[in-house]
Amino acid sequence: MSSNNNNNPYIHLSFHYASDRRPIDTICEMLNRCGKRVEDATRKAEAIADNVWNHRKYSLLIPQFVCLSFMKTGY
């Protein structure tokens, strides 16, 4: 710093943070929160995909069972 800023009453430099935490801690906390959100979204997407797959799998089998039961009973 130059000596001109030391005598200036309008300039005050302070190097402490608003909170006691370091900036890297804040960044890590935000990344952890985002990671948890991505994990939740992934889990929900997997559940939806599994439901669609099971629905597709069983929806194809039901008409086959109906046809087989009609063939067995003679209708």
Foldseek 3Di string as FASTA:
>chain_A
DDPVQVPDPVDDDDDDDPDNDDVVVVVVVVVVVVVVVVVVVVVVVVVVVVVVVVCVVVVVVVVVVVVVVCVVVVD
